Every structure is written in C-alpha cells, then in structure tokens.
Amino acid sequence: MRLAEIEGIMMNVGIAVFAAFIFFIIYDLAKKSNAGKFGTVILFFALGLGLAAFLIKTVAVYMIEGGGSA
C-alpha cells in the first residue's frame, strides 16, 4: 500500500471522526440547555448545515476533478 493511499484512508477516517464529534457537541449543547425535542431538532438542523455544506463541498470538488479516475 502506498503512502498516498494510506493518507487518503486516514483523511476519510478523520473526517468521519470529526463529523461524529460535531454531532456529539450539538447533542451535548441541546442537553445542557434543556432545549426539548423541537429545540434539539432545530439545533441539529441549523448547526448541522455547516457540516453538511463542508461535506457537500468535498463531494462536489471530487466530482469536478474527475472522480479520481486516471
């Protein structure tokens, strides 16, 4: 396995861990602020949009660059 392949795998793992941590932070914020069910949904929607935009941008750039096919 080449170094570039290992770096690619670790980048994907790192982004997945980062996303999970962001969702944990949003959940903890909703829990500590006693937001209730509706407030928790709003927090996940509003704060999750930032993460979703980052992930969509990553996929869009990947597709524009040709999908990695050489």
N, C-alpha and C. Protein backbone atom coordinates (compact mmCIF):
# COMPACT_ATOMS: atom_id res chain seq x y z
N MET A 1 0.85 -1.18 0.00
CA MET A 1 0.00 0.00 0.00
C MET A 1 0.90 1.24 0.00
N ARG A 2 0.57 2.15 -0.87
CA ARG A 2 1.39 3.36 -1.00
C ARG A 2 1.00 4.40 0.05
N LEU A 3 1.90 5.32 0.28
CA LEU A 3 1.66 6.36 1.28
C LEU A 3 0.45 7.21 0.93
N ALA A 4 0.25 7.51 -0.35
CA ALA A 4 -0.90 8.32 -0.77
C ALA A 4 -2.22 7.62 -0.45
N GLU A 5 -2.26 6.29 -0.60
CA GLU A 5 -3.48 5.54 -0.28
C GLU A 5 -3.75 5.57 1.22
N ILE A 6 -2.70 5.43 2.02
CA ILE A 6 -2.86 5.49 3.48
C ILE A 6 -3.35 6.87 3.90
N GLU A 7 -2.78 7.91 3.30
CA GLU A 7 -3.21 9.27 3.62
C GLU A 7 -4.67 9.49 3.25
N GLY A 8 -5.10 8.95 2.11
CA GLY A 8 -6.50 9.08 1.70
C GLY A 8 -7.44 8.39 2.67
N ILE A 9 -7.07 7.19 3.10
CA ILE A 9 -7.90 6.45 4.06
C ILE A 9 -7.96 7.20 5.39
N MET A 10 -6.83 7.67 5.86
CA MET A 10 -6.80 8.37 7.14
C MET A 10 -7.56 9.69 7.08
N MET A 11 -7.57 10.34 5.93
CA MET A 11 -8.35 11.57 5.77
C MET A 11 -9.84 11.26 5.90
N ASN A 12 -10.29 10.19 5.27
CA ASN A 12 -11.70 9.81 5.38
C ASN A 12 -12.07 9.44 6.81
N VAL A 13 -11.20 8.70 7.47
CA VAL A 13 -11.45 8.33 8.88
C VAL A 13 -11.48 9.59 9.74
N GLY A 14 -10.55 10.50 9.51
CA GLY A 14 -10.50 11.73 10.28
C GLY A 14 -11.75 12.58 10.10
N ILE A 15 -12.24 12.68 8.88
CA ILE A 15 -13.46 13.45 8.62
C ILE A 15 -14.66 12.79 9.29
N ALA A 16 -14.73 11.46 9.27
CA ALA A 16 -15.83 10.75 9.93
C ALA A 16 -15.80 10.98 11.44
N VAL A 17 -14.62 10.91 12.03
CA VAL A 17 -14.50 11.16 13.48
C VAL A 17 -14.86 12.61 13.80
N PHE A 18 -14.43 13.54 12.96
CA PHE A 18 -14.76 14.95 13.15
C PHE A 18 -16.27 15.17 13.08
N ALA A 19 -16.94 14.54 12.12
CA ALA A 19 -18.39 14.68 11.98
C ALA A 19 -19.10 14.11 13.21
N ALA A 20 -18.66 12.95 13.68
CA ALA A 20 -19.26 12.35 14.87
C ALA A 20 -19.07 13.25 16.08
N PHE A 21 -17.90 13.85 16.20
CA PHE A 21 -17.62 14.74 17.33
C PHE A 21 -18.50 16.00 17.26
N ILE A 22 -18.71 16.53 16.06
CA ILE A 22 -19.58 17.70 15.89
C ILE A 22 -21.00 17.36 16.32
N PHE A 23 -21.50 16.18 15.91
CA PHE A 23 -22.85 15.78 16.32
C PHE A 23 -22.94 15.59 17.83
N PHE A 24 -21.88 15.06 18.45
CA PHE A 24 -21.87 14.93 19.91
C PHE A 24 -21.92 16.30 20.58
N ILE A 25 -21.18 17.26 20.04
CA ILE A 25 -21.19 18.61 20.61
C ILE A 25 -22.58 19.22 20.51
N ILE A 26 -23.24 19.07 19.37
CA ILE A 26 -24.59 19.61 19.20
C ILE A 26 -25.56 18.94 20.18
N TYR A 27 -25.46 17.61 20.32
CA TYR A 27 -26.32 16.89 21.26
C TYR A 27 -26.08 17.37 22.69
N ASP A 28 -24.82 17.52 23.07
CA ASP A 28 -24.48 17.96 24.41
C ASP A 28 -24.99 19.38 24.66
N LEU A 29 -24.89 20.25 23.67
CA LEU A 29 -25.40 21.61 23.79
C LEU A 29 -26.90 21.61 24.00
N ALA A 30 -27.62 20.78 23.25
CA ALA A 30 -29.08 20.70 23.40
C ALA A 30 -29.45 20.14 24.78
N LYS A 31 -28.71 19.16 25.24
CA LYS A 31 -28.99 18.55 26.54
C LYS A 31 -28.74 19.53 27.69
N LYS A 32 -27.61 20.24 27.64
CA LYS A 32 -27.27 21.17 28.72
C LYS A 32 -28.16 22.41 28.74
N SER A 33 -28.73 22.76 27.59
CA SER A 33 -29.57 23.95 27.54
C SER A 33 -31.05 23.62 27.72
N ASN A 34 -31.37 22.33 27.96
CA ASN A 34 -32.77 21.89 28.12
C ASN A 34 -33.62 22.37 26.95
N ALA A 35 -33.16 22.08 25.76
CA ALA A 35 -33.82 22.59 24.55
C ALA A 35 -35.14 21.88 24.24
N GLY A 36 -35.33 20.68 24.73
CA GLY A 36 -36.53 19.93 24.38
C GLY A 36 -36.39 19.29 23.02
N LYS A 37 -37.42 18.57 22.60
CA LYS A 37 -37.33 17.85 21.33
C LYS A 37 -37.26 18.79 20.13
N PHE A 38 -38.15 19.78 20.11
CA PHE A 38 -38.17 20.70 18.98
C PHE A 38 -36.89 21.52 18.92
N GLY A 39 -36.43 22.00 20.06
CA GLY A 39 -35.19 22.77 20.10
C GLY A 39 -33.98 21.95 19.67
N THR A 40 -33.97 20.68 20.04
CA THR A 40 -32.88 19.80 19.63
C THR A 40 -32.88 19.61 18.12
N VAL A 41 -34.06 19.44 17.55
CA VAL A 41 -34.16 19.30 16.09
C VAL A 41 -33.66 20.56 15.40
N ILE A 42 -34.05 21.71 15.92
CA ILE A 42 -33.61 22.98 15.33
C ILE A 42 -32.10 23.13 15.44
N LEU A 43 -31.54 22.77 16.60
CA LEU A 43 -30.09 22.86 16.77
C LEU A 43 -29.36 21.94 15.78
N PHE A 44 -29.83 20.70 15.67
CA PHE A 44 -29.19 19.78 14.73
C PHE A 44 -29.32 20.28 13.30
N PHE A 45 -30.47 20.85 12.95
CA PHE A 45 -30.67 21.35 11.60
C PHE A 45 -29.76 22.55 11.33
N ALA A 46 -29.80 23.53 12.20
CA ALA A 46 -29.06 24.78 11.98
C ALA A 46 -27.55 24.56 12.05
N LEU A 47 -27.09 23.88 13.08
CA LEU A 47 -25.65 23.69 13.23
C LEU A 47 -25.14 22.57 12.32
N GLY A 48 -26.00 21.62 12.01
CA GLY A 48 -25.61 20.55 11.11
C GLY A 48 -25.47 21.01 9.67
N LEU A 49 -26.11 22.13 9.32
CA LEU A 49 -25.98 22.65 7.96
C LEU A 49 -24.54 23.03 7.63
N GLY A 50 -23.83 23.52 8.62
CA GLY A 50 -22.42 23.86 8.40
C GLY A 50 -21.60 22.64 8.04
N LEU A 51 -21.80 21.56 8.78
CA LEU A 51 -21.10 20.31 8.49
C LEU A 51 -21.55 19.75 7.14
N ALA A 52 -22.85 19.81 6.87
CA ALA A 52 -23.36 19.29 5.60
C ALA A 52 -22.76 20.07 4.43
N ALA A 53 -22.64 21.38 4.57
CA ALA A 53 -22.05 22.19 3.49
C ALA A 53 -20.60 21.80 3.25
N PHE A 54 -19.86 21.53 4.32
CA PHE A 54 -18.47 21.10 4.18
C PHE A 54 -18.39 19.77 3.44
N LEU A 55 -19.25 18.83 3.79
CA LEU A 55 -19.23 17.52 3.15
C LEU A 55 -19.68 17.60 1.69
N ILE A 56 -20.70 18.41 1.42
CA ILE A 56 -21.17 18.58 0.04
C ILE A 56 -20.09 19.23 -0.82
N LYS A 57 -19.38 20.20 -0.26
CA LYS A 57 -18.30 20.85 -0.99
C LYS A 57 -17.20 19.84 -1.33
N THR A 58 -16.88 18.97 -0.40
CA THR A 58 -15.86 17.96 -0.63
C THR A 58 -16.26 17.01 -1.76
N VAL A 59 -17.51 16.58 -1.75
CA VAL A 59 -18.01 15.68 -2.80
C VAL A 59 -18.05 16.41 -4.14
N ALA A 60 -18.48 17.67 -4.16
CA ALA A 60 -18.56 18.42 -5.40
C ALA A 60 -17.17 18.62 -6.01
N VAL A 61 -16.19 18.95 -5.20
CA VAL A 61 -14.83 19.14 -5.70
C VAL A 61 -14.29 17.82 -6.25
N TYR A 62 -14.58 16.73 -5.57
CA TYR A 62 -14.14 15.40 -6.03
C TYR A 62 -14.74 15.07 -7.39
N MET A 63 -16.01 15.38 -7.56
CA MET A 63 -16.68 15.07 -8.82
C MET A 63 -16.21 16.00 -9.94
N ILE A 64 -15.96 17.26 -9.64
CA ILE A 64 -15.49 18.20 -10.65
C ILE A 64 -14.09 17.83 -11.14
N GLU A 65 -13.27 17.33 -10.22
CA GLU A 65 -11.90 16.96 -10.58
C GLU A 65 -11.84 15.66 -11.36
N GLY A 66 -12.96 15.04 -11.61
CA GLY A 66 -12.98 13.85 -12.45
C GLY A 66 -13.20 12.56 -11.69
N GLY A 67 -13.51 12.64 -10.42
CA GLY A 67 -13.82 11.44 -9.66
C GLY A 67 -12.62 10.55 -9.36
N GLY A 68 -11.43 11.05 -9.53
CA GLY A 68 -10.26 10.27 -9.20
C GLY A 68 -9.85 9.25 -10.26
N SER A 69 -10.57 9.19 -11.36
CA SER A 69 -10.18 8.23 -12.41
C SER A 69 -9.06 8.82 -13.25
N ALA A 70 -8.07 8.00 -13.48
CA ALA A 70 -6.91 8.49 -14.24
C ALA A 70 -6.76 7.75 -15.55
